């Protein structure tokens, strides 16, 4: 499957699962935007430690599980 075929297949699945409004929202949120993610990521994570990141991951997981 080529990348183009895969993208079409994935969009069809999203369309089936989310409907037209959901696909439009998904595309608006996840399509390529502007800016320099790599540069910005370094700024966001400049002083973060692995422990800081793990705390955030654990908090996110607990929220997802409703605990």
C-alpha atoms as a PDB file:
ATOM      1  CA  UNK A   1       0.000   0.000   0.000  1.00  0.00           C
ATOM      2  CA  UNK A   2       1.444   3.353  -0.968  1.00  0.00           C
ATOM      3  CA  UNK A   3       1.378   6.326   1.397  1.00  0.00           C
ATOM      4  CA  UNK A   4      -1.348   7.902  -0.725  1.00  0.00           C
ATOM      5  CA  UNK A   5      -3.463   4.735  -0.608  1.00  0.00           C
ATOM      6  CA  UNK A   6      -2.907   4.487   3.136  1.00  0.00           C
ATOM      7  CA  UNK A   7      -3.988   8.087   3.674  1.00  0.00           C
ATOM      8  CA  UNK A   8      -7.141   7.532   1.609  1.00  0.00           C
ATOM      9  CA  UNK A   9      -7.912   4.340   3.536  1.00  0.00           C
ATOM     10  CA  UNK A  10      -7.364   6.095   6.880  1.00  0.00           C
ATOM     11  CA  UNK A  11      -9.616   8.991   5.852  1.00  0.00           C
ATOM     12  CA  UNK A  12     -12.343   6.533   4.849  1.00  0.00           C
ATOM     13  CA  UNK A  13     -12.158   4.887   8.280  1.00  0.00           C
ATOM     14  CA  UNK A  14     -12.266   8.270  10.006  1.00  0.00           C
ATOM     15  CA  UNK A  15     -15.228   9.235   7.866  1.00  0.00           C
ATOM     16  CA  UNK A  16     -17.081   6.090   8.820  1.00  0.00           C
ATOM     17  CA  UNK A  17     -16.284   6.479  12.527  1.00  0.00           C
ATOM     18  CA  UNK A  18     -16.488  10.268  12.927  1.00  0.00           C
ATOM     19  CA  UNK A  19     -18.793  11.452  10.165  1.00  0.00           C
ATOM     20  CA  UNK A  20     -18.118  14.435   7.907  1.00  0.00           C
ATOM     21  CA  UNK A  21     -17.963  16.974  10.745  1.00  0.00           C
ATOM     22  CA  UNK A  22     -15.556  14.805  12.709  1.00  0.00           C
ATOM     23  CA  UNK A  23     -13.244  14.333   9.725  1.00  0.00           C
ATOM     24  CA  UNK A  24     -13.244  18.073   9.052  1.00  0.00           C
ATOM     25  CA  UNK A  25     -12.366  18.742  12.682  1.00  0.00           C
ATOM     26  CA  UNK A  26      -9.631  16.097  12.651  1.00  0.00           C
ATOM     27  CA  UNK A  27      -8.075  17.511   9.495  1.00  0.00           C
ATOM     28  CA  UNK A  28      -8.213  21.059  10.835  1.00  0.00           C
ATOM     29  CA  UNK A  29      -6.398  20.003  13.995  1.00  0.00           C
ATOM     30  CA  UNK A  30      -3.831  17.558  12.585  1.00  0.00           C
ATOM     31  CA  UNK A  31      -2.797  18.893   9.188  1.00  0.00           C
ATOM     32  CA  UNK A  32       0.627  20.456   8.852  1.00  0.00           C
ATOM     33  CA  UNK A  33       0.773  23.938  10.249  1.00  0.00           C
ATOM     34  CA  UNK A  34       3.309  26.679  10.460  1.00  0.00           C
ATOM     35  CA  UNK A  35       6.218  27.167  12.780  1.00  0.00           C
ATOM     36  CA  UNK A  36       9.229  25.152  13.802  1.00  0.00           C
ATOM     37  CA  UNK A  37       8.109  22.330  16.076  1.00  0.00           C
ATOM     38  CA  UNK A  38      11.652  21.129  16.769  1.00  0.00           C
ATOM     39  CA  UNK A  39      12.840  24.564  17.889  1.00  0.00           C
ATOM     40  CA  UNK A  40       9.686  25.126  19.946  1.00  0.00           C
ATOM     41  CA  UNK A  41       9.932  21.685  21.562  1.00  0.00           C
ATOM     42  CA  UNK A  42      13.443  22.482  22.750  1.00  0.00           C
ATOM     43  CA  UNK A  43      12.143  25.697  24.311  1.00  0.00           C
ATOM     44  CA  UNK A  44       9.221  23.898  26.014  1.00  0.00           C
ATOM     45  CA  UNK A  45      11.369  21.082  27.344  1.00  0.00           C
ATOM     46  CA  UNK A  46      14.509  23.102  28.018  1.00  0.00           C
ATOM     47  CA  UNK A  47      14.485  22.576  31.776  1.00  0.00           C
ATOM     48  CA  UNK A  48      12.302  19.471  31.990  1.00  0.00           C
ATOM     49  CA  UNK A  49      13.745  16.373  33.592  1.00  0.00           C
ATOM     50  CA  UNK A  50      12.735  12.822  32.823  1.00  0.00           C
ATOM     51  CA  UNK A  51      11.049  12.784  36.235  1.00  0.00           C
ATOM     52  CA  UNK A  52       8.944  15.846  35.278  1.00  0.00           C
ATOM     53  CA  UNK A  53       7.873  14.138  32.076  1.00  0.00           C
ATOM     54  CA  UNK A  54       7.028  10.885  33.855  1.00  0.00           C
ATOM     55  CA  UNK A  55       4.877  12.740  36.408  1.00  0.00           C
ATOM     56  CA  UNK A  56       2.917  14.338  33.550  1.00  0.00           C
ATOM     57  CA  UNK A  57       2.495  10.997  31.791  1.00  0.00           C
ATOM     58  CA  UNK A  58       1.269   9.336  34.978  1.00  0.00           C
ATOM     59  CA  UNK A  59      -1.176  12.184  35.689  1.00  0.00           C
ATOM     60  CA  UNK A  60      -2.509  11.947  32.152  1.00  0.00           C
ATOM     61  CA  UNK A  61      -2.956   8.177  32.461  1.00  0.00           C
ATOM     62  CA  UNK A  62      -4.795   8.531  35.749  1.00  0.00           C
ATOM     63  CA  UNK A  63      -7.128  11.154  34.243  1.00  0.00           C
ATOM     64  CA  UNK A  64      -7.782   8.905  31.254  1.00  0.00           C
ATOM     65  CA  UNK A  65      -8.694   6.048  33.593  1.00  0.00           C
ATOM     66  CA  UNK A  66     -10.963   8.322  35.622  1.00  0.00           C
ATOM     67  CA  UNK A  67      -9.005   7.970  38.826  1.00  0.00           C
END
